Amino acid sequence: MEEPLRGIRAAYAESTITVYQAYSPEIGLPALRQGRFPAAWKRDRMTWIKPSFLWMMYRCGWATKAGQETVLAIEITRDGFEWALRHACLSSYVRGLHPDLSTWQRQLKRAPARVQWDPERDLHLRPLTYRSLQLGLSGEAVKRYADEWTVAISDVTPLAREIYELVRRSELDAAATLLPKERPYPAGDELLATLRP
């Protein structure tokens, strides 16, 4: 089956969806121990959550980049995730989708969430022809994410390293079997209508 150009692919259950973030051990390890983000985690900054495991691997270099050595799988409520989508604005202006530049700028300024569509990645972290969602949370969305939506936090750093080692040895079939099982997320057209250029 052909992938849509822009679609949400994720590991999800009936009431939760898994997203990924990478942090320094100073933030990631306390988050794992406490099951919530520690005081050192900045609530006043935008935080980007990624439903795509391989896009997260691209972003953090298989947990090798400085400040991104701890990769977290964060299980959040689907209700929260969909709230963020309903209150999101595209991170860039698109002629024809937005009435005009100033309207988009006002929407972006007010929106507690923003959406980017970035090329999905393969096991070698090369870009694919279709795009995956990155969801930026700020203001009210960050507070809801940390205090209401987060159900569980787990460490997928060992998994990232194991898959990376298999890729380095060109054992791609073995590496692929370890990937989280991501499938198209059932976000109806009404949720994504204003978020797909």
Protein backbone atom coordinates (compact mmCIF):
# COMPACT_ATOMS: atom_id res chain seq x y z
CA MET A 1 0.00 0.00 0.00
CA GLU A 2 1.33 3.42 -0.93
CA GLU A 3 2.00 5.82 1.94
CA PRO A 4 0.16 9.16 1.88
CA LEU A 5 2.48 12.11 1.36
CA ARG A 6 1.62 13.46 4.80
CA GLY A 7 0.28 11.05 7.37
CA ILE A 8 0.56 10.21 11.03
CA ARG A 9 2.15 6.83 11.59
CA ALA A 10 2.49 5.78 15.20
CA ALA A 11 2.42 3.00 17.75
CA TYR A 12 -0.92 3.40 19.48
CA ALA A 13 -3.51 1.53 21.54
CA GLU A 14 -7.18 2.14 22.19
CA SER A 15 -6.64 5.17 24.43
CA THR A 16 -2.93 6.05 24.10
CA ILE A 17 -0.33 6.94 21.48
CA THR A 18 3.46 6.69 21.83
CA VAL A 19 5.63 9.69 21.00
CA TYR A 20 9.39 10.11 21.30
CA GLN A 21 11.73 12.71 22.71
CA ALA A 22 15.47 12.70 23.41
CA TYR A 23 17.09 14.44 26.36
CA SER A 24 20.30 14.70 28.29
CA PRO A 25 20.59 12.14 31.11
CA GLU A 26 20.06 15.01 33.59
CA ILE A 27 16.46 15.28 32.36
CA GLY A 28 15.80 11.86 30.87
CA LEU A 29 16.84 9.73 33.84
CA PRO A 30 14.77 11.59 36.47
CA ALA A 31 11.81 11.52 34.07
CA LEU A 32 12.16 7.73 33.88
CA ARG A 33 12.47 7.34 37.65
CA GLN A 34 9.54 9.62 38.46
CA GLY A 35 7.31 8.80 35.51
CA ARG A 36 6.95 12.52 34.86
CA PHE A 37 9.14 15.38 33.73
CA PRO A 38 11.43 16.76 36.46
CA ALA A 39 11.64 20.37 37.62
CA ALA A 40 14.69 20.93 35.37
CA TRP A 41 12.46 20.33 32.32
CA LYS A 42 11.57 23.74 30.88
CA ARG A 43 7.81 24.27 30.70
CA ASP A 44 8.22 27.71 29.14
CA ARG A 45 9.91 26.36 25.99
CA MET A 46 8.36 24.67 23.01
CA THR A 47 8.77 20.89 23.18
CA TRP A 48 8.54 18.74 20.03
CA ILE A 49 7.03 15.28 20.16
CA LYS A 50 7.53 12.76 17.37
CA PRO A 51 5.32 9.73 16.72
CA SER A 52 7.95 8.32 14.31
CA PHE A 53 10.70 6.27 15.96
CA LEU A 54 13.02 6.51 12.95
CA TRP A 55 12.56 10.26 12.66
CA MET A 56 13.54 10.50 16.33
CA MET A 57 16.62 8.39 15.54
CA TYR A 58 17.51 10.79 12.75
CA ARG A 59 17.08 13.75 15.08
CA CYS A 60 19.17 12.30 17.93
CA GLY A 61 21.67 10.32 15.82
CA TRP A 62 20.71 6.99 17.41
CA ALA A 63 21.14 8.59 20.88
CA THR A 64 24.67 9.78 20.16
CA LYS A 65 24.15 13.56 19.88
CA ALA A 66 25.09 15.70 22.84
CA GLY A 67 22.09 16.46 25.01
CA GLN A 68 20.05 13.72 23.32
CA GLU A 69 21.64 10.58 24.76
CA THR A 70 18.48 9.41 26.57
CA VAL A 71 15.60 8.53 24.25
CA LEU A 72 12.20 8.37 25.88
CA ALA A 73 9.04 6.71 24.63
CA ILE A 74 6.21 8.71 26.15
CA GLU A 75 2.78 7.17 26.16
CA ILE A 76 0.16 9.94 26.11
CA THR A 77 -3.60 9.93 25.87
CA ARG A 78 -5.07 9.97 22.40
CA ASP A 79 -7.52 12.59 23.66
CA GLY A 80 -4.58 14.85 24.52
CA PHE A 81 -2.81 14.20 21.23
CA GLU A 82 -5.96 15.01 19.30
CA TRP A 83 -6.57 18.14 21.40
CA ALA A 84 -3.11 19.32 20.33
CA LEU A 85 -3.92 18.65 16.67
CA ARG A 86 -7.24 20.51 16.93
CA HIS A 87 -5.44 23.52 18.44
CA ALA A 88 -2.39 23.40 16.15
CA CYS A 89 -1.23 25.67 13.36
CA LEU A 90 1.19 24.79 10.57
CA SER A 91 4.67 26.07 11.40
CA SER A 92 5.03 27.68 7.96
CA TYR A 93 2.75 29.76 5.76
CA VAL A 94 1.10 27.98 2.83
CA ARG A 95 -0.52 30.11 0.12
CA GLY A 96 -4.02 28.82 -0.60
CA LEU A 97 -4.35 27.00 2.72
CA HIS A 98 -4.13 30.16 4.83
CA PRO A 99 -6.19 33.21 3.82
CA ASP A 100 -3.07 35.42 3.90
CA LEU A 101 0.28 35.77 5.61
CA SER A 102 -0.90 38.03 8.44
CA THR A 103 -3.82 35.70 9.27
CA TRP A 104 -1.40 32.75 9.50
CA GLN A 105 0.98 34.81 11.67
CA ARG A 106 -1.84 35.61 14.10
CA GLN A 107 -2.93 31.96 14.19
CA LEU A 108 0.63 30.81 14.81
CA LYS A 109 1.11 33.28 17.64
CA ARG A 110 -2.10 32.15 19.39
CA ALA A 111 -1.81 28.40 18.77
CA PRO A 112 -0.54 26.27 21.69
CA ALA A 113 0.65 23.65 19.19
CA ARG A 114 2.29 23.67 15.78
CA VAL A 115 2.78 21.06 13.09
CA GLN A 116 5.70 20.32 10.80
CA TRP A 117 5.81 17.59 8.17
CA ASP A 118 9.36 16.32 7.78
CA PRO A 119 10.64 13.53 5.52
CA GLU A 120 10.26 10.11 7.12
CA ARG A 121 13.52 8.15 7.41
CA ASP A 122 14.68 4.65 6.57
CA LEU A 123 16.99 2.49 8.70
CA HIS A 124 20.00 4.34 7.28
CA LEU A 125 18.22 7.59 8.28
CA ARG A 126 17.96 8.63 4.64
CA PRO A 127 14.87 10.68 3.72
CA LEU A 128 11.91 8.85 2.21
CA THR A 129 9.40 10.26 -0.25
CA TYR A 130 6.65 10.73 2.34
CA ARG A 131 6.52 12.89 5.45
CA SER A 132 5.88 12.35 9.15
CA LEU A 133 4.35 14.60 11.75
CA GLN A 134 6.35 16.56 14.29
CA LEU A 135 4.13 18.25 16.87
CA GLY A 136 5.42 21.27 18.79
CA LEU A 137 3.77 22.06 22.12
CA SER A 138 3.92 25.37 23.98
CA GLY A 139 2.00 27.24 26.64
CA GLU A 140 -1.19 25.45 27.65
CA ALA A 141 -0.30 22.39 25.54
CA VAL A 142 3.02 21.88 27.39
CA LYS A 143 1.28 22.00 30.77
CA ARG A 144 -1.41 19.56 29.62
CA TYR A 145 1.25 17.26 28.12
CA ALA A 146 3.27 17.12 31.33
CA ASP A 147 0.44 17.10 33.87
CA GLU A 148 -2.55 15.47 32.19
CA TRP A 149 -1.69 13.56 29.02
CA THR A 150 1.43 11.62 30.02
CA VAL A 151 0.51 8.07 31.05
CA ALA A 152 3.93 6.37 31.08
CA ILE A 153 7.57 7.10 30.23
CA SER A 154 9.98 4.37 29.20
CA ASP A 155 13.61 4.23 28.10
CA VAL A 156 14.15 3.16 24.49
CA THR A 157 17.83 4.11 24.43
CA PRO A 158 18.98 0.44 24.62
CA LEU A 159 16.61 -0.40 21.76
CA ALA A 160 17.98 2.47 19.69
CA ARG A 161 21.54 1.26 20.25
CA GLU A 162 20.66 -2.35 19.46
CA ILE A 163 18.96 -1.41 16.19
CA TYR A 164 21.81 0.93 15.27
CA GLU A 165 24.36 -1.85 15.82
CA LEU A 166 22.38 -4.18 13.52
CA VAL A 167 22.20 -1.46 10.87
CA ARG A 168 25.96 -0.93 11.14
CA ARG A 169 26.43 -4.67 10.52
CA SER A 170 24.03 -4.48 7.54
CA GLU A 171 21.56 -6.79 9.29
CA LEU A 172 18.61 -4.74 8.12
CA ASP A 173 15.97 -7.46 8.36
CA ALA A 174 16.90 -8.13 11.98
CA ALA A 175 16.93 -4.38 12.68
CA ALA A 176 13.49 -3.91 11.09
CA THR A 177 11.92 -6.60 13.28
CA LEU A 178 12.90 -4.61 16.39
CA LEU A 179 11.29 -1.35 15.27
CA PRO A 180 8.16 -0.26 17.13
CA LYS A 181 5.07 -1.34 15.19
CA GLU A 182 3.82 1.91 13.71
CA ARG A 183 0.65 2.08 11.62
CA PRO A 184 -1.51 4.84 10.18
CA TYR A 185 -3.15 6.78 12.97
CA PRO A 186 -6.90 7.23 12.49
CA ALA A 187 -6.94 11.02 12.52
CA GLY A 188 -10.00 11.95 10.52
CA ASP A 189 -9.81 14.50 7.75
CA GLU A 190 -11.42 17.09 10.02
CA LEU A 191 -8.42 16.88 12.40
CA LEU A 192 -5.85 17.38 9.65
CA ALA A 193 -7.81 19.59 7.22
CA THR A 194 -5.94 22.77 8.11
CA LEU A 195 -2.63 20.99 8.80
CA ARG A 196 -1.88 19.41 5.41
CA PRO A 197 -0.40 21.79 2.82
